[in-house]
Amino acid sequence: MYQAGEACYPTKAAANSALASSKVGGILGDGRVVNVGAVTDTSITYTYTSYGQGLLGPTVTTNTYTVQASPVPCQLLTFTDGISLAWKVVAVWFAAWALATIARIVMVEAEGRSDYGNT
């Protein structure tokens, strides 16, 4: 499993394809339109198309640019990760409650069963 953005995909090519699809149809600052030419396990080839008006009519210029892309292994948290973290949080809360209870008992015994001056 490989991660692209906030999702995991079964192959590197699928992860790169998802990453590339987020750029399709985008317009760069100089007016070029972005499309995806090819996607492999290790690279993404983008096609930039410029549209203009020349002396003899409309002009279309296409450039390609290949980017090396290596998706990382999936690192998203799963249900079992959540359960593991939840038990740690519960253990901390239980320890705090236990210490507060023990402190309360010790204080009452040390003061001879006093109700803190509220008699």
C-alpha atoms as a PDB file:
ATOM      1  CA  MET A   1       0.000   0.000   0.000  1.00  0.00           C
ATOM      2  CA  TYR A   2       1.267   3.439  -0.959  1.00  0.00           C
ATOM      3  CA  GLN A   3       0.057   6.854   0.144  1.00  0.00           C
ATOM      4  CA  ALA A   4      -0.815   9.863  -1.995  1.00  0.00           C
ATOM      5  CA  GLY A   5      -2.359  12.731  -0.071  1.00  0.00           C
ATOM      6  CA  GLU A   6      -4.856  11.437   2.457  1.00  0.00           C
ATOM      7  CA  ALA A   7      -5.524   8.055   0.833  1.00  0.00           C
ATOM      8  CA  CYS A   8      -3.684   4.780   0.301  1.00  0.00           C
ATOM      9  CA  TYR A   9      -3.457   2.879  -2.985  1.00  0.00           C
ATOM     10  CA  PRO A  10      -2.436  -0.721  -3.782  1.00  0.00           C
ATOM     11  CA  THR A  11       0.414   0.126  -6.203  1.00  0.00           C
ATOM     12  CA  LYS A  12       2.955   2.903  -6.710  1.00  0.00           C
ATOM     13  CA  ALA A  13       1.501   3.652 -10.141  1.00  0.00           C
ATOM     14  CA  ALA A  14      -2.000   4.068  -8.669  1.00  0.00           C
ATOM     15  CA  ALA A  15      -0.669   6.437  -5.987  1.00  0.00           C
ATOM     16  CA  ASN A  16       1.223   8.469  -8.610  1.00  0.00           C
ATOM     17  CA  SER A  17      -1.891   8.519 -10.794  1.00  0.00           C
ATOM     18  CA  ALA A  18      -3.950   9.927  -7.917  1.00  0.00           C
ATOM     19  CA  LEU A  19      -1.270  12.530  -7.245  1.00  0.00           C
ATOM     20  CA  ALA A  20      -1.146  13.511 -10.933  1.00  0.00           C
ATOM     21  CA  SER A  21      -4.930  13.705 -11.275  1.00  0.00           C
ATOM     22  CA  SER A  22      -5.039  16.563  -8.772  1.00  0.00           C
ATOM     23  CA  LYS A  23      -3.091  18.703 -11.271  1.00  0.00           C
ATOM     24  CA  VAL A  24      -5.118  17.948 -14.419  1.00  0.00           C
ATOM     25  CA  GLY A  25      -6.867  20.954 -15.906  1.00  0.00           C
ATOM     26  CA  GLY A  26      -4.941  23.436 -13.814  1.00  0.00           C
ATOM     27  CA  ILE A  27      -3.882  26.688 -15.430  1.00  0.00           C
ATOM     28  CA  LEU A  28      -0.396  28.004 -14.727  1.00  0.00           C
ATOM     29  CA  GLY A  29       0.419  31.662 -14.246  1.00  0.00           C
ATOM     30  CA  ASP A  30       1.554  32.040 -17.847  1.00  0.00           C
ATOM     31  CA  GLY A  31      -1.705  30.579 -19.212  1.00  0.00           C
ATOM     32  CA  ARG A  32      -0.529  27.027 -19.942  1.00  0.00           C
ATOM     33  CA  VAL A  33      -2.985  24.204 -19.252  1.00  0.00           C
ATOM     34  CA  VAL A  34      -1.710  21.125 -17.370  1.00  0.00           C
ATOM     35  CA  ASN A  35      -2.519  17.572 -18.478  1.00  0.00           C
ATOM     36  CA  VAL A  36      -0.983  14.222 -17.598  1.00  0.00           C
ATOM     37  CA  GLY A  37       0.858  12.373 -20.337  1.00  0.00           C
ATOM     38  CA  ALA A  38       1.989   9.162 -18.620  1.00  0.00           C
ATOM     39  CA  VAL A  39       2.269   7.713 -15.116  1.00  0.00           C
ATOM     40  CA  THR A  40       4.657   4.960 -14.014  1.00  0.00           C
ATOM     41  CA  ASP A  41       5.833   3.587 -10.669  1.00  0.00           C
ATOM     42  CA  THR A  42       8.647   6.146 -10.539  1.00  0.00           C
ATOM     43  CA  SER A  43       7.583   9.147 -12.620  1.00  0.00           C
ATOM     44  CA  ILE A  44       4.776  11.378 -13.830  1.00  0.00           C
ATOM     45  CA  THR A  45       4.906  13.044 -17.244  1.00  0.00           C
ATOM     46  CA  TYR A  46       2.968  16.294 -17.448  1.00  0.00           C
ATOM     47  CA  THR A  47       1.956  17.948 -20.716  1.00  0.00           C
ATOM     48  CA  TYR A  48       1.727  21.737 -20.756  1.00  0.00           C
ATOM     49  CA  THR A  49      -0.338  23.216 -23.579  1.00  0.00           C
ATOM     50  CA  SER A  50      -0.238  26.903 -24.503  1.00  0.00           C
ATOM     51  CA  TYR A  51      -2.967  28.432 -26.623  1.00  0.00           C
ATOM     52  CA  GLY A  52      -2.316  31.673 -28.432  1.00  0.00           C
ATOM     53  CA  GLN A  53      -3.120  33.801 -31.429  1.00  0.00           C
ATOM     54  CA  GLY A  54      -0.490  34.160 -34.135  1.00  0.00           C
ATOM     55  CA  LEU A  55      -0.395  36.111 -37.384  1.00  0.00           C
ATOM     56  CA  LEU A  56      -1.769  33.154 -39.322  1.00  0.00           C
ATOM     57  CA  GLY A  57      -4.378  32.112 -36.771  1.00  0.00           C
ATOM     58  CA  PRO A  58      -4.565  30.251 -33.478  1.00  0.00           C
ATOM     59  CA  THR A  59      -1.411  28.543 -32.233  1.00  0.00           C
ATOM     60  CA  VAL A  60      -1.041  25.577 -29.908  1.00  0.00           C
ATOM     61  CA  THR A  61       2.282  24.764 -28.274  1.00  0.00           C
ATOM     62  CA  THR A  62       2.798  21.582 -26.259  1.00  0.00           C
ATOM     63  CA  ASN A  63       5.699  20.882 -23.894  1.00  0.00           C
ATOM     64  CA  THR A  64       6.277  17.811 -21.755  1.00  0.00           C
ATOM     65  CA  TYR A  65       7.983  17.634 -18.378  1.00  0.00           C
ATOM     66  CA  THR A  66       8.763  14.441 -16.464  1.00  0.00           C
ATOM     67  CA  VAL A  67       8.862  14.509 -12.664  1.00  0.00           C
ATOM     68  CA  GLN A  68      10.404  11.729 -10.602  1.00  0.00           C
ATOM     69  CA  ALA A  69       7.817  10.627  -8.045  1.00  0.00           C
ATOM     70  CA  SER A  70       8.195   7.904  -5.449  1.00  0.00           C
ATOM     71  CA  PRO A  71       5.145   7.486  -3.210  1.00  0.00           C
ATOM     72  CA  VAL A  72       5.756   6.625   0.431  1.00  0.00           C
ATOM     73  CA  PRO A  73       4.375   3.512   2.108  1.00  0.00           C
ATOM     74  CA  CYS A  74       0.938   4.056   3.625  1.00  0.00           C
ATOM     75  CA  GLN A  75       1.213   5.705   7.042  1.00  0.00           C
ATOM     76  CA  LEU A  76      -2.418   6.480   7.800  1.00  0.00           C
ATOM     77  CA  LEU A  77      -3.795   5.502  11.194  1.00  0.00           C
ATOM     78  CA  THR A  78      -6.039   2.458  11.232  1.00  0.00           C
ATOM     79  CA  PHE A  79      -8.690   1.227  13.667  1.00  0.00           C
ATOM     80  CA  THR A  80      -6.152  -0.885  15.550  1.00  0.00           C
ATOM     81  CA  ASP A  81      -3.869   2.159  15.902  1.00  0.00           C
ATOM     82  CA  GLY A  82      -6.811   4.086  17.368  1.00  0.00           C
ATOM     83  CA  ILE A  83      -7.612   1.319  19.851  1.00  0.00           C
ATOM     84  CA  SER A  84      -3.964   1.150  20.911  1.00  0.00           C
ATOM     85  CA  LEU A  85      -3.880   4.904  21.546  1.00  0.00           C
ATOM     86  CA  ALA A  86      -7.260   4.889  23.303  1.00  0.00           C
ATOM     87  CA  TRP A  87      -6.093   2.307  25.858  1.00  0.00           C
ATOM     88  CA  LYS A  88      -3.121   4.522  26.711  1.00  0.00           C
ATOM     89  CA  VAL A  89      -5.404   7.506  27.272  1.00  0.00           C
ATOM     90  CA  VAL A  90      -7.723   5.402  29.458  1.00  0.00           C
ATOM     91  CA  ALA A  91      -4.729   4.178  31.476  1.00  0.00           C
ATOM     92  CA  VAL A  92      -3.560   7.751  32.145  1.00  0.00           C
ATOM     93  CA  TRP A  93      -7.051   8.840  33.236  1.00  0.00           C
ATOM     94  CA  PHE A  94      -7.368   5.794  35.493  1.00  0.00           C
ATOM     95  CA  ALA A  95      -3.955   6.480  37.055  1.00  0.00           C
ATOM     96  CA  ALA A  96      -4.926  10.116  37.736  1.00  0.00           C
ATOM     97  CA  TRP A  97      -8.233   9.032  39.301  1.00  0.00           C
ATOM     98  CA  ALA A  98      -6.463   6.408  41.440  1.00  0.00           C
ATOM     99  CA  LEU A  99      -3.890   8.917  42.701  1.00  0.00           C
ATOM    100  CA  ALA A 100      -6.606  11.467  43.529  1.00  0.00           C
ATOM    101  CA  THR A 101      -8.589   8.819  45.419  1.00  0.00           C
ATOM    102  CA  ILE A 102      -5.528   7.667  47.358  1.00  0.00           C
ATOM    103  CA  ALA A 103      -4.628  11.280  48.227  1.00  0.00           C
ATOM    104  CA  ARG A 104      -8.176  11.930  49.424  1.00  0.00           C
ATOM    105  CA  ILE A 105      -8.128   8.823  51.660  1.00  0.00           C
ATOM    106  CA  VAL A 106      -4.710   9.730  53.113  1.00  0.00           C
ATOM    107  CA  MET A 107      -5.835  13.294  53.872  1.00  0.00           C
ATOM    108  CA  VAL A 108      -8.992  12.112  55.644  1.00  0.00           C
ATOM    109  CA  GLU A 109      -7.049   9.579  57.737  1.00  0.00           C
ATOM    110  CA  ALA A 110      -4.300  12.081  58.570  1.00  0.00           C
ATOM    111  CA  GLU A 111      -6.825  14.603  59.866  1.00  0.00           C
ATOM    112  CA  GLY A 112      -8.751  12.091  61.946  1.00  0.00           C
ATOM    113  CA  ARG A 113     -11.875  11.762  59.825  1.00  0.00           C
ATOM    114  CA  SER A 114     -12.365  15.485  59.584  1.00  0.00           C
ATOM    115  CA  ASP A 115     -14.883  16.966  57.233  1.00  0.00           C
ATOM    116  CA  TYR A 116     -12.554  19.900  56.654  1.00  0.00           C
ATOM    117  CA  GLY A 117     -14.055  22.160  59.298  1.00  0.00           C
ATOM    118  CA  ASN A 118     -17.638  21.954  58.095  1.00  0.00           C
ATOM    119  CA  THR A 119     -19.162  20.733  61.353  1.00  0.00           C
END
